[in-house]
Amino acid sequence: TDMERSVKGEVISSTFDEPAQRHIQVAEMVLEKAKRLVEHKEDVVILLDSITRLARAYNLVVPTTGKVLSGGVDSSALHKPKRFFGAARNIEEGGSLTILATALTETGSRMDEVIFEEFKGTGNMELQLDRTLYERRIYPAIDVNRSNTRKEELLLSKEELDRIWILRRVLSPLNDVEAMELLVGKMKKTKNNKEFLESMNKG
């Protein structure tokens, strides 16, 4: 309910106490609706929390193949979550579908680690959250040095790209807390991305 009030979008949920089949049903319904909207030239964003739990649900439901990966994950259980994540695309003469999915790490579960490794590196962007920053109430709690965007040269001008590389070189030797505090401090002094990137040359 709180999410529905605070988000400008449609919130479709399946709570943790519902069966795995229900989680899968909701996820597949959302994806099919998104595809139809894209066909009608709409730009759609799905925020999935989380791809790990969706893969766990499929692992409970799919018929066993006998080929079990480390952590108790059936090899066939990851096929449909991968298809879900892989549905993101930009349609020529149509709309686009962007999927942002969270993945659980460092939970102590070997299954979660296996699922994470299967999806690691498959997206166009990875944003790593940092528990230390979160515990110190430093927001956004992002590990800047471990986060990245693939093919960013296709999204930015050469000048913007050069300035981002300067920024990364400045942040690289710093620990997570120092990097985020420096980044937030710089951002607070500027009105937009253009001003922020231009400030890279001013120290």
N, C-alpha and C. Protein backbone atom coordinates (compact mmCIF):
# COMPACT_ATOMS: atom_id res chain seq x y z
N THR A 1 0.83 -1.21 0.00
CA THR A 1 0.00 0.00 0.00
C THR A 1 0.86 1.26 0.00
N ASP A 2 1.90 1.28 0.85
CA ASP A 2 2.79 2.44 0.90
C ASP A 2 3.48 2.64 -0.44
N MET A 3 3.90 1.54 -1.07
CA MET A 3 4.55 1.61 -2.37
C MET A 3 3.59 2.19 -3.41
N GLU A 4 2.34 1.77 -3.37
CA GLU A 4 1.34 2.26 -4.33
C GLU A 4 1.13 3.77 -4.19
N ARG A 5 1.21 4.25 -2.95
CA ARG A 5 1.02 5.69 -2.71
C ARG A 5 2.21 6.51 -3.18
N SER A 6 3.41 5.95 -3.05
CA SER A 6 4.62 6.74 -3.31
C SER A 6 5.21 6.57 -4.70
N VAL A 7 4.74 5.60 -5.47
CA VAL A 7 5.31 5.34 -6.79
C VAL A 7 4.33 5.76 -7.87
N LYS A 8 4.83 6.50 -8.85
CA LYS A 8 3.99 6.90 -9.99
C LYS A 8 4.03 5.78 -11.03
N GLY A 9 3.33 4.75 -10.76
CA GLY A 9 3.30 3.60 -11.65
C GLY A 9 2.40 2.54 -11.05
N GLU A 10 2.24 1.46 -11.78
CA GLU A 10 1.38 0.36 -11.32
C GLU A 10 2.21 -0.58 -10.45
N VAL A 11 1.73 -0.87 -9.26
CA VAL A 11 2.41 -1.79 -8.35
C VAL A 11 1.65 -3.11 -8.33
N ILE A 12 2.33 -4.17 -8.73
CA ILE A 12 1.73 -5.51 -8.72
C ILE A 12 2.60 -6.37 -7.83
N SER A 13 2.00 -6.96 -6.82
CA SER A 13 2.82 -7.65 -5.82
C SER A 13 2.33 -9.06 -5.53
N SER A 14 3.26 -9.84 -5.02
CA SER A 14 2.96 -11.17 -4.49
C SER A 14 3.75 -11.28 -3.20
N THR A 15 3.07 -11.36 -2.08
CA THR A 15 3.75 -11.29 -0.79
C THR A 15 4.49 -12.58 -0.46
N PHE A 16 5.45 -12.47 0.46
CA PHE A 16 6.36 -13.58 0.77
C PHE A 16 5.64 -14.82 1.27
N ASP A 17 4.43 -14.65 1.85
CA ASP A 17 3.73 -15.81 2.42
C ASP A 17 2.86 -16.54 1.39
N GLU A 18 2.89 -16.09 0.14
CA GLU A 18 2.11 -16.77 -0.90
C GLU A 18 2.95 -17.88 -1.53
N PRO A 19 2.29 -18.88 -2.13
CA PRO A 19 3.03 -20.01 -2.71
C PRO A 19 3.86 -19.60 -3.93
N ALA A 20 4.85 -20.43 -4.25
CA ALA A 20 5.75 -20.15 -5.36
C ALA A 20 5.00 -19.99 -6.68
N GLN A 21 3.96 -20.80 -6.87
CA GLN A 21 3.19 -20.73 -8.11
C GLN A 21 2.56 -19.35 -8.30
N ARG A 22 2.15 -18.74 -7.20
CA ARG A 22 1.54 -17.40 -7.25
C ARG A 22 2.59 -16.36 -7.66
N HIS A 23 3.81 -16.47 -7.11
CA HIS A 23 4.89 -15.55 -7.48
C HIS A 23 5.14 -15.61 -8.99
N ILE A 24 5.20 -16.84 -9.50
CA ILE A 24 5.46 -17.05 -10.93
C ILE A 24 4.32 -16.48 -11.78
N GLN A 25 3.09 -16.76 -11.35
CA GLN A 25 1.91 -16.29 -12.08
C GLN A 25 1.91 -14.76 -12.20
N VAL A 26 2.20 -14.09 -11.10
CA VAL A 26 2.22 -12.62 -11.09
C VAL A 26 3.32 -12.09 -12.01
N ALA A 27 4.51 -12.67 -11.91
CA ALA A 27 5.64 -12.22 -12.73
C ALA A 27 5.34 -12.39 -14.21
N GLU A 28 4.80 -13.54 -14.58
CA GLU A 28 4.52 -13.80 -16.00
C GLU A 28 3.39 -12.91 -16.52
N MET A 29 2.41 -12.62 -15.67
CA MET A 29 1.32 -11.72 -16.05
C MET A 29 1.85 -10.31 -16.31
N VAL A 30 2.74 -9.86 -15.44
CA VAL A 30 3.33 -8.52 -15.61
C VAL A 30 4.13 -8.45 -16.90
N LEU A 31 4.91 -9.47 -17.18
CA LEU A 31 5.73 -9.47 -18.39
C LEU A 31 4.87 -9.45 -19.65
N GLU A 32 3.82 -10.24 -19.67
CA GLU A 32 2.95 -10.28 -20.85
C GLU A 32 2.25 -8.93 -21.07
N LYS A 33 1.82 -8.31 -19.98
CA LYS A 33 1.19 -6.99 -20.09
C LYS A 33 2.19 -5.97 -20.63
N ALA A 34 3.42 -6.04 -20.13
CA ALA A 34 4.46 -5.12 -20.59
C ALA A 34 4.73 -5.28 -22.08
N LYS A 35 4.78 -6.53 -22.54
CA LYS A 35 5.02 -6.79 -23.96
C LYS A 35 3.93 -6.19 -24.83
N ARG A 36 2.68 -6.31 -24.38
CA ARG A 36 1.57 -5.74 -25.16
C ARG A 36 1.69 -4.21 -25.24
N LEU A 37 2.07 -3.59 -24.13
CA LEU A 37 2.24 -2.13 -24.12
C LEU A 37 3.36 -1.70 -25.06
N VAL A 38 4.45 -2.47 -25.07
CA VAL A 38 5.58 -2.17 -25.96
C VAL A 38 5.15 -2.26 -27.42
N GLU A 39 4.33 -3.26 -27.72
CA GLU A 39 3.81 -3.41 -29.08
C GLU A 39 2.98 -2.21 -29.51
N HIS A 40 2.39 -1.52 -28.53
CA HIS A 40 1.61 -0.32 -28.80
C HIS A 40 2.45 0.95 -28.64
N LYS A 41 3.76 0.79 -28.81
CA LYS A 41 4.73 1.90 -28.83
C LYS A 41 4.86 2.62 -27.49
N GLU A 42 4.63 1.91 -26.41
CA GLU A 42 4.84 2.47 -25.08
C GLU A 42 6.25 2.09 -24.59
N ASP A 43 6.85 2.99 -23.81
CA ASP A 43 8.13 2.68 -23.16
C ASP A 43 7.81 2.21 -21.74
N VAL A 44 8.20 0.99 -21.43
CA VAL A 44 7.81 0.35 -20.17
C VAL A 44 9.05 0.01 -19.34
N VAL A 45 8.96 0.23 -18.04
CA VAL A 45 10.02 -0.17 -17.11
C VAL A 45 9.41 -1.12 -16.09
N ILE A 46 10.02 -2.29 -15.94
CA ILE A 46 9.62 -3.24 -14.88
C ILE A 46 10.70 -3.21 -13.82
N LEU A 47 10.31 -2.98 -12.57
CA LEU A 47 11.23 -3.08 -11.44
C LEU A 47 10.89 -4.37 -10.70
N LEU A 48 11.77 -5.34 -10.79
CA LEU A 48 11.53 -6.66 -10.20
C LEU A 48 12.35 -6.85 -8.94
N ASP A 49 11.67 -7.12 -7.84
CA ASP A 49 12.35 -7.37 -6.57
C ASP A 49 11.88 -8.72 -6.02
N SER A 50 12.61 -9.78 -6.24
CA SER A 50 13.92 -9.81 -6.85
C SER A 50 14.02 -10.98 -7.82
N ILE A 51 15.00 -10.94 -8.69
CA ILE A 51 15.22 -12.04 -9.63
C ILE A 51 15.62 -13.30 -8.86
N THR A 52 16.25 -13.10 -7.70
CA THR A 52 16.65 -14.24 -6.87
C THR A 52 15.43 -15.00 -6.38
N ARG A 53 14.45 -14.27 -5.85
CA ARG A 53 13.25 -14.93 -5.31
C ARG A 53 12.42 -15.55 -6.43
N LEU A 54 12.42 -14.92 -7.61
CA LEU A 54 11.70 -15.49 -8.74
C LEU A 54 12.35 -16.81 -9.16
N ALA A 55 13.67 -16.84 -9.19
CA ALA A 55 14.37 -18.08 -9.54
C ALA A 55 14.14 -19.16 -8.48
N ARG A 56 14.09 -18.76 -7.21
CA ARG A 56 13.78 -19.73 -6.14
C ARG A 56 12.40 -20.33 -6.36
N ALA A 57 11.44 -19.49 -6.73
CA ALA A 57 10.07 -19.96 -6.95
C ALA A 57 10.02 -20.98 -8.09
N TYR A 58 10.69 -20.68 -9.19
CA TYR A 58 10.74 -21.63 -10.31
C TYR A 58 11.42 -22.92 -9.89
N ASN A 59 12.43 -22.82 -9.03
CA ASN A 59 13.15 -24.01 -8.57
C ASN A 59 12.23 -24.96 -7.80
N LEU A 60 11.23 -24.39 -7.12
CA LEU A 60 10.27 -25.20 -6.37
C LEU A 60 9.20 -25.82 -7.26
N VAL A 61 8.93 -25.18 -8.39
CA VAL A 61 7.78 -25.55 -9.22
C VAL A 61 8.13 -26.42 -10.43
N VAL A 62 9.27 -26.14 -11.08
CA VAL A 62 9.58 -26.86 -12.33
C VAL A 62 9.83 -28.35 -12.06
N PRO A 63 9.45 -29.20 -13.00
CA PRO A 63 9.74 -30.64 -12.85
C PRO A 63 11.25 -30.85 -12.80
N THR A 64 11.70 -31.70 -11.91
CA THR A 64 13.14 -31.92 -11.77
C THR A 64 13.71 -32.66 -12.97
N THR A 65 14.90 -32.24 -13.38
CA THR A 65 15.56 -32.88 -14.52
C THR A 65 16.61 -33.89 -14.07
N GLY A 66 16.94 -33.83 -12.79
CA GLY A 66 18.00 -34.71 -12.29
C GLY A 66 19.36 -34.05 -12.33
N LYS A 67 19.45 -32.94 -13.07
CA LYS A 67 20.71 -32.21 -13.14
C LYS A 67 20.62 -31.03 -12.17
N VAL A 68 21.24 -31.21 -11.01
CA VAL A 68 21.14 -30.20 -9.96
C VAL A 68 22.47 -29.47 -9.83
N LEU A 69 22.41 -28.14 -9.87
CA LEU A 69 23.61 -27.33 -9.71
C LEU A 69 23.94 -27.19 -8.23
N SER A 70 25.09 -26.62 -7.96
CA SER A 70 25.48 -26.36 -6.58
C SER A 70 24.42 -25.51 -5.89
N GLY A 71 24.16 -25.79 -4.62
CA GLY A 71 23.16 -25.03 -3.87
C GLY A 71 21.76 -25.56 -4.00
N GLY A 72 21.60 -26.69 -4.75
CA GLY A 72 20.28 -27.29 -4.88
C GLY A 72 19.42 -26.68 -5.97
N VAL A 73 20.03 -25.96 -6.90
CA VAL A 73 19.27 -25.34 -8.00
C VAL A 73 19.19 -26.31 -9.17
N ASP A 74 17.96 -26.65 -9.57
CA ASP A 74 17.79 -27.50 -10.75
C ASP A 74 18.16 -26.69 -11.99
N SER A 75 18.90 -27.28 -12.90
CA SER A 75 19.40 -26.54 -14.07
C SER A 75 18.27 -25.93 -14.90
N SER A 76 17.11 -26.59 -14.94
CA SER A 76 16.00 -26.07 -15.75
C SER A 76 15.26 -24.91 -15.07
N ALA A 77 15.50 -24.73 -13.76
CA ALA A 77 14.77 -23.70 -13.01
C ALA A 77 15.18 -22.29 -13.42
N LEU A 78 16.38 -22.15 -13.98
CA LEU A 78 16.87 -20.82 -14.32
C LEU A 78 16.49 -20.38 -15.73
N HIS A 79 15.93 -21.31 -16.51
CA HIS A 79 15.60 -20.99 -17.90
C HIS A 79 14.57 -19.87 -18.01
N LYS A 80 13.46 -19.99 -17.27
CA LYS A 80 12.40 -18.98 -17.39
C LYS A 80 12.76 -17.64 -16.75
N PRO A 81 13.45 -17.61 -15.60
CA PRO A 81 13.91 -16.31 -15.10
C PRO A 81 14.85 -15.61 -16.08
N LYS A 82 15.68 -16.40 -16.78
CA LYS A 82 16.57 -15.80 -17.78
C LYS A 82 15.77 -15.24 -18.95
N ARG A 83 14.71 -15.96 -19.35
CA ARG A 83 13.85 -15.46 -20.43
C ARG A 83 13.14 -14.18 -20.01
N PHE A 84 12.73 -14.13 -18.75
CA PHE A 84 12.08 -12.93 -18.21
C PHE A 84 13.04 -11.74 -18.32
N PHE A 85 14.24 -11.91 -17.80
CA PHE A 85 15.24 -10.84 -17.79
C PHE A 85 15.66 -10.48 -19.22
N GLY A 86 15.73 -11.49 -20.07
CA GLY A 86 16.15 -11.28 -21.45
C GLY A 86 15.09 -10.67 -22.35
N ALA A 87 13.89 -10.47 -21.80
CA ALA A 87 12.80 -9.89 -22.60
C ALA A 87 12.98 -8.39 -22.82
N ALA A 88 13.88 -7.78 -22.06
CA ALA A 88 14.13 -6.34 -22.21
C ALA A 88 14.70 -6.05 -23.59
N ARG A 89 14.12 -5.06 -24.25
CA ARG A 89 14.59 -4.72 -25.59
C ARG A 89 13.99 -3.40 -26.07
N ASN A 90 14.58 -2.88 -27.13
CA ASN A 90 14.08 -1.68 -27.79
C ASN A 90 13.54 -2.12 -29.14
N ILE A 91 12.25 -1.94 -29.37
CA ILE A 91 11.61 -2.43 -30.59
C ILE A 91 11.65 -1.37 -31.69
N GLU A 92 12.14 -1.76 -32.86
CA GLU A 92 12.14 -0.84 -33.99
C GLU A 92 10.70 -0.53 -34.38
N GLU A 93 10.39 0.76 -34.49
CA GLU A 93 9.03 1.23 -34.78
C GLU A 93 8.03 0.82 -33.70
N GLY A 94 8.53 0.58 -32.51
CA GLY A 94 7.66 0.24 -31.39
C GLY A 94 8.15 0.94 -30.14
N GLY A 95 7.82 0.39 -28.98
CA GLY A 95 8.27 0.96 -27.73
C GLY A 95 9.52 0.26 -27.24
N SER A 96 9.74 0.34 -25.94
CA SER A 96 10.90 -0.32 -25.35
C SER A 96 10.52 -0.92 -24.01
N LEU A 97 11.24 -1.96 -23.63
CA LEU A 97 11.04 -2.60 -22.33
C LEU A 97 12.37 -2.62 -21.59
N THR A 98 12.41 -1.95 -20.46
CA THR A 98 13.58 -1.93 -19.59
C THR A 98 13.24 -2.71 -18.33
N ILE A 99 14.13 -3.61 -17.92
CA ILE A 99 13.90 -4.39 -16.71
C ILE A 99 15.02 -4.12 -15.72
N LEU A 100 14.65 -3.60 -14.55
CA LEU A 100 15.59 -3.42 -13.45
C LEU A 100 15.27 -4.48 -12.41
N ALA A 101 16.22 -5.37 -12.16
CA ALA A 101 15.97 -6.47 -11.23
C ALA A 101 17.01 -6.47 -10.12
N THR A 102 16.55 -6.64 -8.89
CA THR A 102 17.49 -6.76 -7.79
C THR A 102 17.90 -8.22 -7.64
N ALA A 103 19.11 -8.43 -7.13
CA ALA A 103 19.60 -9.78 -6.86
C ALA A 103 20.20 -9.81 -5.46
N LEU A 104 19.90 -10.86 -4.72
CA LEU A 104 20.41 -10.99 -3.36
C LEU A 104 21.81 -11.58 -3.37
N THR A 105 22.71 -10.98 -2.59
CA THR A 105 24.07 -11.50 -2.46
C THR A 105 24.46 -11.52 -0.99
N GLU A 106 25.47 -12.31 -0.69
CA GLU A 106 26.02 -12.39 0.68
C GLU A 106 24.93 -12.69 1.71
N THR A 107 24.03 -13.60 1.34
CA THR A 107 22.95 -14.00 2.26
C THR A 107 23.34 -15.23 3.09
N GLY A 108 24.46 -15.84 2.73
CA GLY A 108 24.86 -17.09 3.38
C GLY A 108 24.26 -18.31 2.70
N SER A 109 23.45 -18.08 1.67
CA SER A 109 22.81 -19.18 0.94
C SER A 109 23.59 -19.48 -0.33
N ARG A 110 24.01 -20.74 -0.48
CA ARG A 110 24.73 -21.13 -1.69
C ARG A 110 23.81 -21.02 -2.91
N MET A 111 22.53 -21.31 -2.72
CA MET A 111 21.57 -21.19 -3.82
C MET A 111 21.53 -19.76 -4.35
N ASP A 112 21.46 -18.78 -3.45
CA ASP A 112 21.41 -17.38 -3.86
C ASP A 112 22.67 -16.99 -4.63
N GLU A 113 23.82 -17.51 -4.20
CA GLU A 113 25.08 -17.20 -4.89
C GLU A 113 25.09 -17.78 -6.30
N VAL A 114 24.57 -19.00 -6.45
CA VAL A 114 24.52 -19.64 -7.77
C VAL A 114 23.61 -18.83 -8.70
N ILE A 115 22.46 -18.43 -8.18
CA ILE A 115 21.52 -17.63 -8.99
C ILE A 115 22.17 -16.31 -9.39
N PHE A 116 22.83 -15.66 -8.44
CA PHE A 116 23.49 -14.38 -8.74
C PHE A 116 24.54 -14.54 -9.82
N GLU A 117 25.35 -15.59 -9.72
CA GLU A 117 26.41 -15.81 -10.71
C GLU A 117 25.84 -16.06 -12.10
N GLU A 118 24.67 -16.69 -12.16
CA GLU A 118 24.04 -16.96 -13.46
C GLU A 118 23.61 -15.66 -14.16
N PHE A 119 23.23 -14.66 -13.37
CA PHE A 119 22.75 -13.41 -13.96
C PHE A 119 23.82 -12.32 -14.00
N LYS A 120 24.88 -12.50 -13.23
CA LYS A 120 25.95 -11.50 -13.18
C LYS A 120 26.53 -11.28 -14.57
N GLY A 121 26.64 -10.03 -14.96
CA GLY A 121 27.24 -9.72 -16.26
C GLY A 121 26.29 -9.81 -17.44
N THR A 122 25.02 -10.16 -17.19
CA THR A 122 24.08 -10.31 -18.32
C THR A 122 23.33 -9.01 -18.62
N GLY A 123 23.35 -8.07 -17.69
CA GLY A 123 22.62 -6.82 -17.89
C GLY A 123 23.49 -5.74 -18.50
N ASN A 124 22.86 -4.65 -18.89
CA ASN A 124 23.59 -3.51 -19.44
C ASN A 124 24.12 -2.59 -18.35
N MET A 125 23.59 -2.75 -17.15
CA MET A 125 24.02 -1.91 -16.04
C MET A 125 24.00 -2.72 -14.75
N GLU A 126 25.02 -2.55 -13.93
CA GLU A 126 25.05 -3.18 -12.61
C GLU A 126 25.26 -2.10 -11.56
N LEU A 127 24.36 -2.07 -10.59
CA LEU A 127 24.46 -1.11 -9.51
C LEU A 127 24.60 -1.90 -8.21
N GLN A 128 25.77 -1.78 -7.59
CA GLN A 128 26.07 -2.54 -6.37
C GLN A 128 25.74 -1.69 -5.15
N LEU A 129 24.90 -2.24 -4.28
CA LEU A 129 24.60 -1.56 -3.02
C LEU A 129 25.64 -1.94 -1.98
N ASP A 130 25.80 -1.07 -0.98
CA ASP A 130 26.85 -1.26 0.02
C ASP A 130 26.27 -1.25 1.43
N ARG A 131 26.42 -2.38 2.13
CA ARG A 131 25.86 -2.50 3.47
C ARG A 131 26.49 -1.52 4.46
N THR A 132 27.80 -1.27 4.32
CA THR A 132 28.49 -0.35 5.23
C THR A 132 27.91 1.05 5.14
N LEU A 133 27.67 1.50 3.92
CA LEU A 133 27.07 2.83 3.74
C LEU A 133 25.66 2.86 4.33
N TYR A 134 24.90 1.80 4.10
CA TYR A 134 23.53 1.72 4.63
C TYR A 134 23.54 1.79 6.16
N GLU A 135 24.45 1.04 6.78
CA GLU A 135 24.51 1.01 8.25
C GLU A 135 24.94 2.36 8.82
N ARG A 136 25.70 3.11 8.04
CA ARG A 136 26.12 4.44 8.49
C ARG A 136 25.15 5.54 8.05
N ARG A 137 24.02 5.12 7.46
CA ARG A 137 22.97 6.03 7.00
C ARG A 137 23.50 7.04 5.97
N ILE A 138 24.38 6.56 5.10
CA ILE A 138 24.88 7.38 4.00
C ILE A 138 24.14 6.96 2.74
N TYR A 139 23.36 7.88 2.19
CA TYR A 139 22.53 7.55 1.03
C TYR A 139 22.88 8.43 -0.16
N PRO A 140 22.75 7.91 -1.38
CA PRO A 140 22.38 6.52 -1.70
C PRO A 140 23.51 5.56 -1.35
N ALA A 141 23.15 4.40 -0.81
CA ALA A 141 24.14 3.42 -0.34
C ALA A 141 24.68 2.59 -1.51
N ILE A 142 25.38 3.26 -2.42
CA ILE A 142 25.87 2.63 -3.64
C ILE A 142 27.39 2.50 -3.61
N ASP A 143 27.88 1.33 -3.97
CA ASP A 143 29.32 1.12 -4.15
C ASP A 143 29.66 1.62 -5.55
N VAL A 144 30.11 2.85 -5.63
CA VAL A 144 30.32 3.50 -6.92
C VAL A 144 31.37 2.79 -7.76
N ASN A 145 32.46 2.36 -7.13
CA ASN A 145 33.56 1.77 -7.88
C ASN A 145 33.22 0.40 -8.46
N ARG A 146 32.24 -0.28 -7.89
CA ARG A 146 31.85 -1.60 -8.40
C ARG A 146 30.60 -1.55 -9.28
N SER A 147 30.05 -0.36 -9.44
CA SER A 147 28.88 -0.18 -10.31
C SER A 147 29.33 0.29 -11.68
N ASN A 148 28.61 -0.12 -12.72
CA ASN A 148 29.04 0.27 -14.06
C ASN A 148 27.90 0.15 -15.06
N THR A 149 28.08 0.83 -16.18
CA THR A 149 27.14 0.75 -17.30
C THR A 149 27.90 0.29 -18.53
N ARG A 150 27.40 -0.74 -19.18
CA ARG A 150 28.05 -1.23 -20.40
C ARG A 150 27.71 -0.33 -21.57
N LYS A 151 28.63 -0.25 -22.50
CA LYS A 151 28.42 0.52 -23.74
C LYS A 151 28.01 1.96 -23.43
N GLU A 152 28.57 2.52 -22.35
CA GLU A 152 28.18 3.89 -21.99
C GLU A 152 28.59 4.90 -23.07
N GLU A 153 29.54 4.51 -23.92
CA GLU A 153 29.94 5.41 -25.01
C GLU A 153 28.82 5.64 -26.02
N LEU A 154 27.81 4.76 -26.01
CA LEU A 154 26.67 4.93 -26.90
C LEU A 154 25.62 5.88 -26.31
N LEU A 155 25.74 6.15 -25.02
CA LEU A 155 24.75 6.97 -24.33
C LEU A 155 25.23 8.40 -24.08
N LEU A 156 26.56 8.59 -24.13
CA LEU A 156 27.14 9.87 -23.74
C LEU A 156 28.00 10.45 -24.85
N SER A 157 28.15 11.76 -24.82
CA SER A 157 29.06 12.41 -25.77
C SER A 157 30.50 12.12 -25.33
N LYS A 158 31.45 12.35 -26.23
CA LYS A 158 32.86 12.09 -25.90
C LYS A 158 33.30 12.97 -24.73
N GLU A 159 32.83 14.22 -24.70
CA GLU A 159 33.19 15.12 -23.62
C GLU A 159 32.66 14.61 -22.28
N GLU A 160 31.41 14.16 -22.26
CA GLU A 160 30.82 13.62 -21.02
C GLU A 160 31.57 12.37 -20.58
N LEU A 161 31.91 11.53 -21.54
CA LEU A 161 32.62 10.29 -21.24
C LEU A 161 33.99 10.57 -20.63
N ASP A 162 34.69 11.55 -21.21
CA ASP A 162 36.02 11.92 -20.69
C ASP A 162 35.92 12.40 -19.25
N ARG A 163 34.91 13.18 -18.97
CA ARG A 163 34.75 13.71 -17.60
C ARG A 163 34.37 12.60 -16.62
N ILE A 164 33.58 11.63 -17.08
CA ILE A 164 33.23 10.50 -16.21
C ILE A 164 34.47 9.66 -15.90
N TRP A 165 35.34 9.50 -16.88
CA TRP A 165 36.59 8.77 -16.63
C TRP A 165 37.47 9.50 -15.62
N ILE A 166 37.47 10.84 -15.71
CA ILE A 166 38.20 11.63 -14.71
C ILE A 166 37.61 11.38 -13.33
N LEU A 167 36.28 11.40 -13.25
CA LEU A 167 35.59 11.16 -11.98
C LEU A 167 35.94 9.78 -11.42
N ARG A 168 35.93 8.77 -12.28
CA ARG A 168 36.25 7.41 -11.82
C ARG A 168 37.68 7.31 -11.31
N ARG A 169 38.60 8.02 -11.96
CA ARG A 169 40.00 8.00 -11.50
C ARG A 169 40.14 8.67 -10.14
N VAL A 170 39.33 9.71 -9.91
CA VAL A 170 39.35 10.40 -8.61
C VAL A 170 38.79 9.49 -7.52
N LEU A 171 37.70 8.77 -7.83
CA LEU A 171 37.02 7.94 -6.83
C LEU A 171 37.71 6.61 -6.58
N SER A 172 38.42 6.10 -7.58
CA SER A 172 39.00 4.76 -7.51
C SER A 172 39.85 4.47 -6.27
N PRO A 173 40.77 5.37 -5.87
CA PRO A 173 41.60 5.06 -4.70
C PRO A 173 40.89 5.21 -3.35
N LEU A 174 39.68 5.77 -3.36
CA LEU A 174 38.96 6.02 -2.11
C LEU A 174 38.17 4.79 -1.67
N ASN A 175 37.94 4.66 -0.36
CA ASN A 175 37.05 3.59 0.10
C ASN A 175 35.60 3.99 -0.18
N ASP A 176 34.68 3.07 0.06
CA ASP A 176 33.28 3.28 -0.32
C ASP A 176 32.67 4.52 0.34
N VAL A 177 32.96 4.71 1.63
CA VAL A 177 32.39 5.84 2.36
C VAL A 177 32.94 7.15 1.82
N GLU A 178 34.26 7.22 1.65
CA GLU A 178 34.88 8.45 1.13
C GLU A 178 34.38 8.78 -0.27
N ALA A 179 34.26 7.74 -1.11
CA ALA A 179 33.82 7.95 -2.49
C ALA A 179 32.41 8.52 -2.54
N MET A 180 31.50 7.94 -1.76
CA MET A 180 30.11 8.41 -1.79
C MET A 180 29.97 9.80 -1.17
N GLU A 181 30.70 10.06 -0.09
CA GLU A 181 30.63 11.39 0.54
C GLU A 181 31.14 12.47 -0.41
N LEU A 182 32.23 12.17 -1.14
CA LEU A 182 32.76 13.12 -2.12
C LEU A 182 31.75 13.34 -3.24
N LEU A 183 31.18 12.25 -3.72
CA LEU A 183 30.22 12.33 -4.83
C LEU A 183 28.98 13.13 -4.44
N VAL A 184 28.41 12.83 -3.29
CA VAL A 184 27.21 13.53 -2.82
C VAL A 184 27.51 15.00 -2.57
N GLY A 185 28.68 15.28 -1.99
CA GLY A 185 29.09 16.66 -1.74
C GLY A 185 29.16 17.47 -3.01
N LYS A 186 29.74 16.88 -4.06
CA LYS A 186 29.84 17.55 -5.37
C LYS A 186 28.46 17.76 -5.98
N MET A 187 27.62 16.75 -5.87
CA MET A 187 26.29 16.82 -6.49
C MET A 187 25.42 17.89 -5.83
N LYS A 188 25.57 18.06 -4.52
CA LYS A 188 24.77 19.06 -3.81
C LYS A 188 25.10 20.48 -4.25
N LYS A 189 26.31 20.66 -4.79
CA LYS A 189 26.75 22.00 -5.19
C LYS A 189 26.39 22.33 -6.64
N THR A 190 25.80 21.38 -7.33
CA THR A 190 25.46 21.60 -8.74
C THR A 190 23.97 21.32 -8.99
N LYS A 191 23.43 21.93 -10.05
CA LYS A 191 22.00 21.83 -10.33
C LYS A 191 21.62 20.63 -11.18
N ASN A 192 22.54 20.17 -12.03
CA ASN A 192 22.22 19.09 -12.95
C ASN A 192 23.48 18.32 -13.34
N ASN A 193 23.31 17.28 -14.14
CA ASN A 193 24.45 16.45 -14.55
C ASN A 193 25.50 17.24 -15.30
N LYS A 194 25.05 18.15 -16.17
CA LYS A 194 25.99 18.95 -16.97
C LYS A 194 26.90 19.77 -16.07
N GLU A 195 26.31 20.47 -15.11
CA GLU A 195 27.10 21.27 -14.16
C GLU A 195 28.02 20.38 -13.35
N PHE A 196 27.48 19.24 -12.93
CA PHE A 196 28.26 18.31 -12.11
C PHE A 196 29.51 17.83 -12.86
N LEU A 197 29.34 17.43 -14.11
CA LEU A 197 30.47 16.93 -14.89
C LEU A 197 31.47 18.05 -15.21
N GLU A 198 30.96 19.25 -15.44
CA GLU A 198 31.85 20.38 -15.69
C GLU A 198 32.70 20.70 -14.47
N SER A 199 32.18 20.42 -13.28
CA SER A 199 32.92 20.70 -12.05
C SER A 199 34.12 19.78 -11.87
N MET A 200 34.20 18.72 -12.68
CA MET A 200 35.32 17.79 -12.57
C MET A 200 36.66 18.47 -12.83
N ASN A 201 36.66 19.50 -13.66
CA ASN A 201 37.90 20.20 -13.99
C ASN A 201 38.26 21.27 -12.96
N LYS A 202 37.34 21.50 -12.01
CA LYS A 202 37.56 22.58 -11.06
C LYS A 202 38.07 22.09 -9.71
N GLY A 203 38.23 20.75 -9.57
CA GLY A 203 38.74 20.19 -8.34
C GLY A 203 37.72 20.16 -7.23
